[in-house]
N, C-alpha and C. Protein backbone atom coordinates (compact mmCIF):
# COMPACT_ATOMS: atom_id res chain seq x y z
N UNK A 1 38.51 42.05 -17.18
CA UNK A 1 37.15 42.52 -17.27
C UNK A 1 36.32 42.01 -16.10
N UNK A 2 36.45 40.73 -15.80
CA UNK A 2 35.68 40.14 -14.72
C UNK A 2 36.05 40.80 -13.38
N UNK A 3 37.32 41.05 -13.22
CA UNK A 3 37.80 41.69 -11.99
C UNK A 3 37.21 43.10 -11.85
N UNK A 4 37.11 43.83 -12.93
CA UNK A 4 36.54 45.18 -12.90
C UNK A 4 35.07 45.15 -12.51
N UNK A 5 34.32 44.16 -12.99
CA UNK A 5 32.90 44.03 -12.65
C UNK A 5 32.75 43.71 -11.17
N UNK A 6 33.56 42.81 -10.66
CA UNK A 6 33.50 42.45 -9.25
C UNK A 6 33.84 43.65 -8.37
N UNK A 7 34.87 44.38 -8.75
CA UNK A 7 35.26 45.56 -7.96
C UNK A 7 34.15 46.61 -7.98
N UNK A 8 33.52 46.80 -9.11
CA UNK A 8 32.43 47.76 -9.21
C UNK A 8 31.26 47.34 -8.32
N UNK A 9 30.92 46.06 -8.34
CA UNK A 9 29.84 45.57 -7.48
C UNK A 9 30.17 45.74 -6.01
N UNK A 10 31.40 45.47 -5.64
CA UNK A 10 31.79 45.64 -4.24
C UNK A 10 31.70 47.09 -3.80
N UNK A 11 32.09 48.00 -4.65
CA UNK A 11 32.01 49.42 -4.33
C UNK A 11 30.55 49.83 -4.19
N UNK A 12 29.70 49.38 -5.10
CA UNK A 12 28.28 49.74 -5.05
C UNK A 12 27.59 49.15 -3.83
N UNK A 13 27.95 47.93 -3.46
CA UNK A 13 27.30 47.28 -2.33
C UNK A 13 27.86 47.70 -0.99
N UNK A 14 28.99 48.35 -0.97
CA UNK A 14 29.61 48.73 0.30
C UNK A 14 28.76 49.73 1.07
N UNK A 15 27.94 50.50 0.42
CA UNK A 15 27.08 51.47 1.10
C UNK A 15 25.75 50.91 1.54
N UNK A 16 25.49 49.64 1.30
CA UNK A 16 24.19 49.07 1.63
C UNK A 16 24.04 48.69 3.09
N UNK A 17 25.06 48.69 3.84
CA UNK A 17 24.98 48.27 5.23
C UNK A 17 24.81 49.41 6.21
N UNK A 18 24.13 50.48 5.83
CA UNK A 18 23.99 51.63 6.71
C UNK A 18 23.09 51.28 7.88
N UNK A 19 23.32 51.94 8.99
CA UNK A 19 22.59 51.67 10.23
C UNK A 19 21.42 52.62 10.36
N UNK A 20 20.33 52.12 10.95
CA UNK A 20 19.16 52.96 11.20
C UNK A 20 19.19 53.56 12.60
N UNK A 21 20.32 53.46 13.26
CA UNK A 21 20.45 53.99 14.60
C UNK A 21 20.28 55.51 14.56
N UNK A 22 19.54 56.03 15.54
CA UNK A 22 19.33 57.47 15.61
C UNK A 22 20.58 58.12 16.18
N UNK A 23 21.07 59.12 15.49
CA UNK A 23 22.23 59.86 15.97
C UNK A 23 21.78 61.25 16.38
N UNK A 24 22.64 61.95 17.06
CA UNK A 24 22.30 63.29 17.53
C UNK A 24 21.96 64.22 16.36
N UNK A 25 22.56 63.99 15.20
CA UNK A 25 22.30 64.86 14.06
C UNK A 25 20.92 64.63 13.46
N UNK A 26 20.37 63.41 13.58
CA UNK A 26 19.09 63.10 12.95
C UNK A 26 17.96 62.89 13.95
N UNK A 27 18.25 62.88 15.24
CA UNK A 27 17.22 62.64 16.24
C UNK A 27 16.36 63.89 16.43
N UNK A 28 15.06 63.65 16.64
CA UNK A 28 14.19 64.78 16.96
C UNK A 28 14.47 65.20 18.39
N UNK A 29 14.02 66.38 18.76
CA UNK A 29 14.24 66.82 20.13
C UNK A 29 13.43 65.97 21.11
N UNK A 30 12.31 65.42 20.68
CA UNK A 30 11.57 64.47 21.50
C UNK A 30 12.38 63.21 21.75
N UNK A 31 13.09 62.72 20.72
CA UNK A 31 13.98 61.57 20.88
C UNK A 31 15.11 61.89 21.86
N UNK A 32 15.66 63.08 21.72
CA UNK A 32 16.75 63.48 22.62
C UNK A 32 16.26 63.56 24.06
N UNK A 33 15.04 64.05 24.26
CA UNK A 33 14.48 64.14 25.60
C UNK A 33 14.30 62.73 26.19
N UNK A 34 13.83 61.80 25.38
CA UNK A 34 13.67 60.41 25.84
C UNK A 34 15.03 59.80 26.19
N UNK A 35 16.07 60.10 25.43
CA UNK A 35 17.40 59.58 25.73
C UNK A 35 17.95 60.19 27.03
N UNK A 36 17.61 61.43 27.30
CA UNK A 36 18.03 62.07 28.55
C UNK A 36 17.33 61.39 29.73
N UNK A 37 16.06 61.04 29.55
CA UNK A 37 15.33 60.31 30.59
C UNK A 37 16.03 58.98 30.86
N UNK A 38 16.41 58.27 29.81
CA UNK A 38 17.09 56.99 29.98
C UNK A 38 18.43 57.18 30.67
N UNK A 39 19.15 58.25 30.34
CA UNK A 39 20.43 58.52 30.99
C UNK A 39 20.25 58.85 32.47
N UNK A 40 19.13 59.44 32.83
CA UNK A 40 18.85 59.76 34.23
C UNK A 40 18.50 58.52 35.03
N UNK A 41 18.04 57.47 34.35
CA UNK A 41 17.65 56.22 35.02
C UNK A 41 18.27 55.04 34.26
N UNK A 42 19.60 54.91 34.25
CA UNK A 42 20.23 53.88 33.44
C UNK A 42 19.89 52.45 33.88
N UNK A 43 19.44 52.26 35.10
CA UNK A 43 19.10 50.93 35.60
C UNK A 43 17.71 50.49 35.15
N UNK A 44 16.89 51.40 34.66
CA UNK A 44 15.50 51.10 34.31
C UNK A 44 15.37 50.73 32.83
N UNK A 45 14.44 49.82 32.56
CA UNK A 45 14.08 49.50 31.17
C UNK A 45 12.91 50.39 30.79
N UNK A 46 13.13 51.28 29.83
CA UNK A 46 12.10 52.24 29.44
C UNK A 46 11.62 51.97 28.02
N UNK A 47 10.31 52.01 27.86
CA UNK A 47 9.70 51.85 26.54
C UNK A 47 9.12 53.21 26.17
N UNK A 48 9.66 53.82 25.11
CA UNK A 48 9.23 55.16 24.71
C UNK A 48 7.83 55.09 24.14
N UNK A 49 6.95 55.92 24.68
CA UNK A 49 5.57 55.98 24.22
C UNK A 49 5.39 57.13 23.25
N UNK A 50 5.09 58.30 23.79
CA UNK A 50 4.83 59.45 22.94
C UNK A 50 5.90 60.51 23.07
N UNK A 51 6.04 61.29 22.02
CA UNK A 51 6.98 62.41 22.00
C UNK A 51 6.29 63.55 21.29
N UNK A 52 6.52 64.73 21.75
CA UNK A 52 5.96 65.90 21.07
C UNK A 52 6.86 67.10 21.35
N UNK A 53 6.61 68.17 20.64
CA UNK A 53 7.36 69.40 20.88
C UNK A 53 6.56 70.59 20.39
N UNK A 54 6.83 71.72 20.99
CA UNK A 54 6.24 72.98 20.54
C UNK A 54 7.28 74.08 20.73
N UNK A 55 7.06 75.16 20.04
CA UNK A 55 8.04 76.25 20.05
C UNK A 55 7.38 77.52 20.56
N UNK A 56 7.68 77.92 21.81
CA UNK A 56 7.09 79.15 22.33
C UNK A 56 7.69 80.42 21.71
N UNK A 57 8.90 80.31 21.16
CA UNK A 57 9.49 81.44 20.44
C UNK A 57 10.45 80.89 19.38
N UNK A 58 11.06 81.76 18.64
CA UNK A 58 11.86 81.35 17.49
C UNK A 58 13.13 80.58 17.87
N UNK A 59 13.65 80.77 19.09
CA UNK A 59 14.90 80.12 19.50
C UNK A 59 14.70 78.93 20.43
N UNK A 60 13.49 78.77 20.96
CA UNK A 60 13.24 77.77 21.99
C UNK A 60 12.27 76.69 21.51
N UNK A 61 12.59 75.45 21.85
CA UNK A 61 11.68 74.34 21.59
C UNK A 61 11.54 73.56 22.89
N UNK A 62 10.30 73.30 23.27
CA UNK A 62 10.01 72.51 24.46
C UNK A 62 9.54 71.14 23.97
N UNK A 63 10.29 70.11 24.30
CA UNK A 63 9.97 68.75 23.89
C UNK A 63 9.51 67.96 25.11
N UNK A 64 8.56 67.07 24.88
CA UNK A 64 8.09 66.19 25.96
C UNK A 64 8.23 64.75 25.49
N UNK A 65 8.44 63.87 26.46
CA UNK A 65 8.52 62.44 26.17
C UNK A 65 7.80 61.69 27.28
N UNK A 66 7.07 60.65 26.88
CA UNK A 66 6.39 59.78 27.82
C UNK A 66 6.96 58.38 27.64
N UNK A 67 7.29 57.72 28.75
CA UNK A 67 7.84 56.37 28.70
C UNK A 67 7.13 55.50 29.74
N UNK A 68 7.24 54.20 29.54
CA UNK A 68 6.73 53.22 30.49
C UNK A 68 7.90 52.38 30.97
N UNK A 69 7.99 52.21 32.29
CA UNK A 69 9.02 51.33 32.84
C UNK A 69 8.54 49.90 32.67
N UNK A 70 9.26 49.14 31.90
CA UNK A 70 8.88 47.75 31.65
C UNK A 70 9.53 46.80 32.64
N UNK A 71 10.38 47.30 33.52
CA UNK A 71 11.03 46.45 34.51
C UNK A 71 10.28 46.41 35.83
N UNK A 72 9.14 47.07 35.91
CA UNK A 72 8.35 47.11 37.14
C UNK A 72 7.04 46.34 36.94
N UNK A 73 6.62 45.56 37.95
CA UNK A 73 5.34 44.85 37.84
C UNK A 73 4.18 45.85 37.88
N UNK A 74 3.04 45.50 37.26
CA UNK A 74 1.90 46.42 37.20
C UNK A 74 1.41 46.92 38.56
N UNK A 75 1.49 46.13 39.62
CA UNK A 75 0.99 46.56 40.93
C UNK A 75 2.02 47.25 41.80
N UNK A 76 3.15 47.61 41.26
CA UNK A 76 4.24 48.20 42.03
C UNK A 76 3.86 49.59 42.54
N UNK A 77 4.46 49.97 43.69
CA UNK A 77 4.23 51.31 44.23
C UNK A 77 5.04 52.38 43.49
N UNK A 78 6.02 51.94 42.71
CA UNK A 78 6.83 52.86 41.91
C UNK A 78 6.08 53.17 40.62
N UNK A 79 6.11 54.44 40.22
CA UNK A 79 5.43 54.84 38.98
C UNK A 79 5.98 54.09 37.79
N UNK A 80 5.09 53.48 37.01
CA UNK A 80 5.51 52.84 35.76
C UNK A 80 5.48 53.85 34.62
N UNK A 81 4.53 54.79 34.68
CA UNK A 81 4.39 55.79 33.63
C UNK A 81 5.18 57.03 34.03
N UNK A 82 6.11 57.43 33.17
CA UNK A 82 6.96 58.58 33.44
C UNK A 82 6.83 59.58 32.29
N UNK A 83 7.07 60.84 32.61
CA UNK A 83 7.07 61.87 31.58
C UNK A 83 8.07 62.95 31.97
N UNK A 84 8.62 63.59 30.97
CA UNK A 84 9.59 64.66 31.21
C UNK A 84 9.42 65.74 30.16
N UNK A 85 9.90 66.91 30.51
CA UNK A 85 9.89 68.06 29.60
C UNK A 85 11.31 68.57 29.49
N UNK A 86 11.76 68.75 28.27
CA UNK A 86 13.11 69.25 28.00
C UNK A 86 12.99 70.56 27.23
N UNK A 87 13.70 71.56 27.66
CA UNK A 87 13.71 72.84 26.96
C UNK A 87 15.05 72.98 26.25
N UNK A 88 14.98 73.24 24.96
CA UNK A 88 16.17 73.44 24.13
C UNK A 88 16.17 74.86 23.60
N UNK A 89 17.27 75.55 23.79
CA UNK A 89 17.45 76.88 23.21
C UNK A 89 18.57 76.77 22.20
N UNK A 90 18.28 77.10 20.97
CA UNK A 90 19.24 76.94 19.87
C UNK A 90 19.77 75.51 19.83
N UNK A 91 18.90 74.54 20.05
CA UNK A 91 19.19 73.10 20.02
C UNK A 91 20.08 72.62 21.16
N UNK A 92 20.31 73.44 22.17
CA UNK A 92 21.10 73.06 23.33
C UNK A 92 20.14 72.89 24.51
N UNK A 93 20.26 71.78 25.24
CA UNK A 93 19.41 71.54 26.40
C UNK A 93 19.69 72.59 27.46
N UNK A 94 18.64 73.33 27.84
CA UNK A 94 18.80 74.37 28.86
C UNK A 94 17.97 74.07 30.11
N UNK A 95 17.03 73.13 30.03
CA UNK A 95 16.23 72.77 31.21
C UNK A 95 15.68 71.36 31.03
N UNK A 96 15.57 70.66 32.16
CA UNK A 96 14.98 69.32 32.17
C UNK A 96 14.17 69.19 33.45
N UNK A 97 12.94 68.68 33.33
CA UNK A 97 12.17 68.43 34.53
C UNK A 97 11.25 67.24 34.32
N UNK A 98 11.09 66.47 35.37
CA UNK A 98 10.16 65.35 35.36
C UNK A 98 8.77 65.92 35.55
N UNK A 99 7.84 65.55 34.70
CA UNK A 99 6.47 66.01 34.84
C UNK A 99 5.58 64.90 35.41
N UNK A 100 6.08 63.68 35.40
CA UNK A 100 5.36 62.56 36.01
C UNK A 100 6.39 61.51 36.39
N UNK A 101 6.41 61.10 37.68
CA UNK A 101 7.34 60.07 38.13
C UNK A 101 8.76 60.58 38.14
N UNK A 102 9.67 59.66 37.92
CA UNK A 102 11.09 60.00 37.91
C UNK A 102 11.83 59.16 38.93
N UNK A 103 13.14 59.31 39.00
CA UNK A 103 13.92 58.52 39.96
C UNK A 103 13.53 58.88 41.40
N UNK A 104 13.60 57.89 42.25
CA UNK A 104 13.32 58.11 43.66
C UNK A 104 14.47 58.88 44.29
N UNK A 105 14.12 59.82 45.15
CA UNK A 105 15.14 60.61 45.84
C UNK A 105 15.89 59.72 46.83
N UNK A 106 17.19 59.89 46.91
CA UNK A 106 17.99 59.12 47.85
C UNK A 106 17.93 59.78 49.22
N UNK A 107 17.89 58.97 50.29
CA UNK A 107 17.83 59.55 51.66
C UNK A 107 19.12 60.23 52.05
């Protein structure tokens, strides 16, 4: 009997360790746009500020994300405030553009 109770408790408690990590299935398109920004600048420390989205038609969603580079000093000549716009058609990224700042072009 005692063994059955312990096994039942272990089974019930096994699901309590779920992660709050955002996955592609549960992330908003604004979150996905922010992750694309981070992938474009993997060396930078980015702090996600605002995210928004709107739908110009039934199949398209335009998401925007604003981030702050926390690895740059306030007086730096490099933009600390960055923004990007991501266009998703049927939830697939079809366009990406920096609307403020972005990686420096290589010579």
